[in-house]
Amino acid sequence: MVKSSTTDSSSSRPNERSREDNSNRHHQQTTSSSDMEEKLQIKPTSSDSYNNVVRGALKLKGRISKPTKTQSFSKQQALKEELGKRVEIEKTDAEARFEQKMMETKKKLIKEKAEKSYREKINEFNEKISKLSEYHDIPKV
């Protein structure tokens, strides 16, 4: 029995030592990693790189601002009058004929639609349907 107790006590001591050794090693690793970080300097994160951005319009090389010229009041009024005048663009013969044809076709369509009343159109539609064969009838459900 005595032997077993001594072996138990001796077996527990190495476990305790190994735990202490592990904790000491872990502590040494954390301190050594922090020392390494201080020596190596930490790289800036992506958000840090945005701090150096220049805002505003791009200043391109070689662009020279031109001095603005001022015109006299009378010249400005003369320009406005010239621009204000309506300039009629003359159409070619083909364009004029095309427009005439379009106007004639529009007039014909308007007359055709105005000839019949709504009731007359309905009556014609009903007659057309009644003349169709039974094949075109709507099936009963």
C-alpha atoms as a PDB file:
ATOM      1  CA  MET A   1       0.000   0.000   0.000  1.00  0.00           C
ATOM      2  CA  VAL A   2       2.729   2.342   0.840  1.00  0.00           C
ATOM      3  CA  LYS A   3       4.178   1.905  -2.571  1.00  0.00           C
ATOM      4  CA  SER A   4       0.921   2.781  -4.225  1.00  0.00           C
ATOM      5  CA  SER A   5       0.556   5.967  -2.210  1.00  0.00           C
ATOM      6  CA  THR A   6       4.056   7.078  -3.080  1.00  0.00           C
ATOM      7  CA  THR A   7       3.481   6.409  -6.710  1.00  0.00           C
ATOM      8  CA  ASP A   8       0.248   8.384  -6.574  1.00  0.00           C
ATOM      9  CA  SER A   9       1.911  11.349  -4.953  1.00  0.00           C
ATOM     10  CA  SER A  10       4.838  11.200  -7.344  1.00  0.00           C
ATOM     11  CA  SER A  11       2.507  10.850 -10.315  1.00  0.00           C
ATOM     12  CA  SER A  12       0.538  13.952  -9.309  1.00  0.00           C
ATOM     13  CA  ARG A  13       3.646  16.098  -9.018  1.00  0.00           C
ATOM     14  CA  PRO A  14       4.721  15.793 -12.621  1.00  0.00           C
ATOM     15  CA  ASN A  15       1.197  16.760 -13.713  1.00  0.00           C
ATOM     16  CA  GLU A  16       1.339  19.846 -11.553  1.00  0.00           C
ATOM     17  CA  ARG A  17       4.744  20.699 -12.932  1.00  0.00           C
ATOM     18  CA  SER A  18       3.583  20.245 -16.485  1.00  0.00           C
ATOM     19  CA  ARG A  19       0.615  22.558 -15.850  1.00  0.00           C
ATOM     20  CA  GLU A  20       2.913  25.178 -14.379  1.00  0.00           C
ATOM     21  CA  ASP A  21       5.332  24.741 -17.246  1.00  0.00           C
ATOM     22  CA  ASN A  22       2.513  25.128 -19.768  1.00  0.00           C
ATOM     23  CA  SER A  23       1.227  28.306 -18.130  1.00  0.00           C
ATOM     24  CA  ASN A  24       4.774  29.726 -17.984  1.00  0.00           C
ATOM     25  CA  ARG A  25       5.353  28.843 -21.625  1.00  0.00           C
ATOM     26  CA  HIS A  26       2.068  30.470 -22.618  1.00  0.00           C
ATOM     27  CA  HIS A  27       2.983  33.609 -20.692  1.00  0.00           C
ATOM     28  CA  GLN A  28       6.390  33.697 -22.370  1.00  0.00           C
ATOM     29  CA  GLN A  29       4.808  33.252 -25.807  1.00  0.00           C
ATOM     30  CA  THR A  30       2.366  36.123 -25.311  1.00  0.00           C
ATOM     31  CA  THR A  31       5.055  38.449 -24.060  1.00  0.00           C
ATOM     32  CA  SER A  32       7.423  37.477 -26.845  1.00  0.00           C
ATOM     33  CA  SER A  33       4.730  38.016 -29.505  1.00  0.00           C
ATOM     34  CA  SER A  34       3.961  41.495 -28.137  1.00  0.00           C
ATOM     35  CA  ASP A  35       7.704  42.270 -28.177  1.00  0.00           C
ATOM     36  CA  MET A  36       7.856  41.148 -31.811  1.00  0.00           C
ATOM     37  CA  GLU A  37       4.915  43.375 -32.732  1.00  0.00           C
ATOM     38  CA  GLU A  38       6.666  46.363 -31.225  1.00  0.00           C
ATOM     39  CA  LYS A  39       9.847  45.558 -33.143  1.00  0.00           C
ATOM     40  CA  LEU A  40       8.153  44.928 -36.497  1.00  0.00           C
ATOM     41  CA  GLN A  41       5.705  47.853 -36.476  1.00  0.00           C
ATOM     42  CA  ILE A  42       2.114  46.985 -37.232  1.00  0.00           C
ATOM     43  CA  LYS A  43       0.967  47.558 -40.831  1.00  0.00           C
ATOM     44  CA  PRO A  44      -1.890  50.054 -41.224  1.00  0.00           C
ATOM     45  CA  THR A  45      -5.327  48.579 -41.736  1.00  0.00           C
ATOM     46  CA  SER A  46      -7.445  49.318 -44.787  1.00  0.00           C
ATOM     47  CA  SER A  47      -9.409  52.021 -42.937  1.00  0.00           C
ATOM     48  CA  ASP A  48      -6.147  53.802 -42.074  1.00  0.00           C
ATOM     49  CA  SER A  49      -5.239  54.071 -45.757  1.00  0.00           C
ATOM     50  CA  TYR A  50      -8.382  56.121 -46.427  1.00  0.00           C
ATOM     51  CA  ASN A  51      -7.225  58.848 -44.036  1.00  0.00           C
ATOM     52  CA  ASN A  52      -4.754  60.231 -46.611  1.00  0.00           C
ATOM     53  CA  VAL A  53      -7.296  60.713 -49.416  1.00  0.00           C
ATOM     54  CA  VAL A  54      -7.350  64.123 -51.107  1.00  0.00           C
ATOM     55  CA  ARG A  55     -10.886  65.369 -51.592  1.00  0.00           C
ATOM     56  CA  GLY A  56     -12.189  67.731 -54.264  1.00  0.00           C
ATOM     57  CA  ALA A  57     -11.767  68.107 -57.999  1.00  0.00           C
ATOM     58  CA  LEU A  58      -8.788  66.564 -59.735  1.00  0.00           C
ATOM     59  CA  LYS A  59      -6.089  69.033 -60.587  1.00  0.00           C
ATOM     60  CA  LEU A  60      -4.838  67.784 -63.933  1.00  0.00           C
ATOM     61  CA  LYS A  61      -1.447  68.767 -65.215  1.00  0.00           C
ATOM     62  CA  GLY A  62      -1.260  71.404 -67.940  1.00  0.00           C
ATOM     63  CA  ARG A  63      -4.719  72.906 -67.543  1.00  0.00           C
ATOM     64  CA  ILE A  64      -4.593  76.671 -67.655  1.00  0.00           C
ATOM     65  CA  SER A  65      -7.671  78.657 -66.800  1.00  0.00           C
ATOM     66  CA  LYS A  66      -8.608  81.045 -69.581  1.00  0.00           C
ATOM     67  CA  PRO A  67      -9.476  84.623 -68.708  1.00  0.00           C
ATOM     68  CA  THR A  68     -13.147  85.439 -69.207  1.00  0.00           C
ATOM     69  CA  LYS A  69     -14.038  88.148 -71.664  1.00  0.00           C
ATOM     70  CA  THR A  70     -16.721  90.677 -70.878  1.00  0.00           C
ATOM     71  CA  GLN A  71     -18.897  92.058 -73.664  1.00  0.00           C
ATOM     72  CA  SER A  72     -20.559  95.379 -73.740  1.00  0.00           C
ATOM     73  CA  PHE A  73     -24.271  95.566 -72.949  1.00  0.00           C
ATOM     74  CA  SER A  74     -25.277  96.592 -76.489  1.00  0.00           C
ATOM     75  CA  LYS A  75     -23.455  93.632 -78.058  1.00  0.00           C
ATOM     76  CA  GLN A  76     -25.190  91.239 -75.678  1.00  0.00           C
ATOM     77  CA  GLN A  77     -28.600  92.654 -76.604  1.00  0.00           C
ATOM     78  CA  ALA A  78     -27.824  92.375 -80.318  1.00  0.00           C
ATOM     79  CA  LEU A  79     -26.849  88.725 -79.883  1.00  0.00           C
ATOM     80  CA  LYS A  80     -30.063  87.982 -77.963  1.00  0.00           C
ATOM     81  CA  GLU A  81     -32.169  89.566 -80.702  1.00  0.00           C
ATOM     82  CA  GLU A  82     -30.445  87.523 -83.401  1.00  0.00           C
ATOM     83  CA  LEU A  83     -30.884  84.316 -81.452  1.00  0.00           C
ATOM     84  CA  GLY A  84     -34.467  85.170 -80.562  1.00  0.00           C
ATOM     85  CA  LYS A  85     -35.579  85.425 -84.184  1.00  0.00           C
ATOM     86  CA  ARG A  86     -37.397  82.350 -85.399  1.00  0.00           C
ATOM     87  CA  VAL A  87     -35.627  80.722 -88.277  1.00  0.00           C
ATOM     88  CA  GLU A  88     -37.839  78.612 -90.515  1.00  0.00           C
ATOM     89  CA  ILE A  89     -36.218  75.625 -92.064  1.00  0.00           C
ATOM     90  CA  GLU A  90     -37.519  75.001 -95.541  1.00  0.00           C
ATOM     91  CA  LYS A  91     -38.542  71.442 -96.288  1.00  0.00           C
ATOM     92  CA  THR A  92     -37.599  69.516 -99.363  1.00  0.00           C
ATOM     93  CA  ASP A  93     -40.226  68.578-101.957  1.00  0.00           C
ATOM     94  CA  ALA A  94     -40.301  64.970-100.735  1.00  0.00           C
ATOM     95  CA  GLU A  95     -40.855  66.055 -97.120  1.00  0.00           C
ATOM     96  CA  ALA A  96     -43.702  68.377 -98.124  1.00  0.00           C
ATOM     97  CA  ARG A  97     -45.426  65.619-100.161  1.00  0.00           C
ATOM     98  CA  PHE A  98     -45.017  63.167 -97.272  1.00  0.00           C
ATOM     99  CA  GLU A  99     -46.667  65.586 -94.835  1.00  0.00           C
ATOM    100  CA  GLN A 100     -49.582  66.174 -97.243  1.00  0.00           C
ATOM    101  CA  LYS A 101     -50.155  62.412 -97.584  1.00  0.00           C
ATOM    102  CA  MET A 102     -50.087  61.978 -93.807  1.00  0.00           C
ATOM    103  CA  MET A 103     -52.640  64.768 -93.329  1.00  0.00           C
ATOM    104  CA  GLU A 104     -54.932  63.201 -95.960  1.00  0.00           C
ATOM    105  CA  THR A 105     -54.768  59.744 -94.362  1.00  0.00           C
ATOM    106  CA  LYS A 106     -55.496  61.221 -90.924  1.00  0.00           C
ATOM    107  CA  LYS A 107     -58.540  63.044 -92.304  1.00  0.00           C
ATOM    108  CA  LYS A 108     -59.825  59.817 -93.917  1.00  0.00           C
ATOM    109  CA  LEU A 109     -59.453  57.861 -90.678  1.00  0.00           C
ATOM    110  CA  ILE A 110     -61.276  60.545 -88.708  1.00  0.00           C
ATOM    111  CA  LYS A 111     -64.155  60.591 -91.223  1.00  0.00           C
ATOM    112  CA  GLU A 112     -64.473  56.787 -91.163  1.00  0.00           C
ATOM    113  CA  LYS A 113     -64.628  56.727 -87.377  1.00  0.00           C
ATOM    114  CA  ALA A 114     -67.128  59.573 -87.255  1.00  0.00           C
ATOM    115  CA  GLU A 115     -69.499  58.008 -89.836  1.00  0.00           C
ATOM    116  CA  LYS A 116     -70.816  55.250 -87.567  1.00  0.00           C
ATOM    117  CA  SER A 117     -72.178  55.618 -84.095  1.00  0.00           C
ATOM    118  CA  TYR A 118     -71.325  53.241 -81.298  1.00  0.00           C
ATOM    119  CA  ARG A 119     -74.673  51.457 -81.619  1.00  0.00           C
ATOM    120  CA  GLU A 120     -74.143  50.857 -85.346  1.00  0.00           C
ATOM    121  CA  LYS A 121     -70.701  49.389 -84.679  1.00  0.00           C
ATOM    122  CA  ILE A 122     -72.147  46.996 -82.077  1.00  0.00           C
ATOM    123  CA  ASN A 123     -74.907  45.857 -84.456  1.00  0.00           C
ATOM    124  CA  GLU A 124     -72.375  45.143 -87.219  1.00  0.00           C
ATOM    125  CA  PHE A 125     -70.212  43.161 -84.812  1.00  0.00           C
ATOM    126  CA  ASN A 126     -73.189  41.080 -83.645  1.00  0.00           C
ATOM    127  CA  GLU A 127     -74.156  40.302 -87.260  1.00  0.00           C
ATOM    128  CA  LYS A 128     -70.607  39.225 -88.030  1.00  0.00           C
ATOM    129  CA  ILE A 129     -70.566  36.898 -85.024  1.00  0.00           C
ATOM    130  CA  SER A 130     -73.939  35.337 -85.932  1.00  0.00           C
ATOM    131  CA  LYS A 131     -72.676  34.493 -89.452  1.00  0.00           C
ATOM    132  CA  LEU A 132     -69.720  32.519 -88.093  1.00  0.00           C
ATOM    133  CA  SER A 133     -70.001  28.721 -87.862  1.00  0.00           C
ATOM    134  CA  GLU A 134     -70.554  26.825 -84.617  1.00  0.00           C
ATOM    135  CA  TYR A 135     -66.891  25.952 -84.580  1.00  0.00           C
ATOM    136  CA  HIS A 136     -66.142  29.507 -83.380  1.00  0.00           C
ATOM    137  CA  ASP A 137     -68.754  29.469 -80.607  1.00  0.00           C
ATOM    138  CA  ILE A 138     -67.618  29.804 -77.036  1.00  0.00           C
ATOM    139  CA  PRO A 139     -67.930  26.375 -75.332  1.00  0.00           C
ATOM    140  CA  LYS A 140     -70.180  26.125 -72.294  1.00  0.00           C
ATOM    141  CA  VAL A 141     -68.544  25.045 -69.108  1.00  0.00           C
END
